[in-house]
Amino acid sequence: MKLILTRDNTEIARMLYSTFMHLSRNIWHSWCIKVILFNCSQTEK
């Protein structure tokens, strides 16, 4: 029973970790795009 519990916890932790990495990557990507677009619009003016 304990073995199953720890294995499930590992799976959950891995799932949470991958989800967190995916979200942070998306946030970082959108932030980069915003900065690039902002800089481009600033230089055009």
Protein backbone atom coordinates (compact mmCIF):
# COMPACT_ATOMS: atom_id res chain seq x y z
CA MET A 1 0.00 0.00 0.00
CA LYS A 2 2.79 2.40 0.89
CA LEU A 3 4.63 1.61 -2.34
CA ILE A 4 1.53 2.41 -4.42
CA LEU A 5 1.10 5.67 -2.50
CA THR A 6 4.65 6.83 -3.12
CA ARG A 7 4.44 5.84 -6.79
CA ASP A 8 1.21 7.84 -7.16
CA ASN A 9 2.81 10.80 -5.43
CA THR A 10 5.74 10.62 -7.84
CA GLU A 11 3.37 10.57 -10.81
CA ILE A 12 1.40 13.52 -9.42
CA ALA A 13 4.60 15.44 -8.71
CA ARG A 14 5.87 14.77 -12.23
CA MET A 15 2.54 15.85 -13.70
CA LEU A 16 2.49 19.05 -11.64
CA TYR A 17 6.11 19.78 -12.54
CA SER A 18 5.55 19.35 -16.28
CA THR A 19 2.38 21.47 -16.10
CA PHE A 20 4.24 24.19 -14.20
CA MET A 21 7.11 24.15 -16.70
CA HIS A 22 4.63 24.34 -19.59
CA LEU A 23 2.80 27.30 -18.03
CA SER A 24 5.97 29.18 -17.14
CA ARG A 25 7.32 28.62 -20.65
CA ASN A 26 4.11 30.01 -22.15
CA ILE A 27 4.18 33.03 -19.81
CA TRP A 28 7.86 33.66 -20.61
CA HIS A 29 7.15 33.31 -24.36
CA SER A 30 4.20 35.74 -24.32
CA TRP A 31 6.24 38.17 -22.18
CA CYS A 32 9.09 38.04 -24.73
CA ILE A 33 6.66 38.70 -27.57
CA LYS A 34 5.17 41.69 -25.72
CA VAL A 35 8.62 43.17 -25.07
CA ILE A 36 9.68 42.67 -28.70
CA LEU A 37 6.45 44.20 -30.02
CA PHE A 38 6.75 47.11 -27.59
CA ASN A 39 10.34 47.77 -28.63
CA CYS A 40 9.42 47.56 -32.31
CA SER A 41 6.56 50.04 -31.90
CA GLN A 42 8.83 52.37 -29.93
CA THR A 43 11.51 52.40 -32.64
CA GLU A 44 8.95 53.02 -35.40
CA LYS A 45 7.68 56.22 -33.75
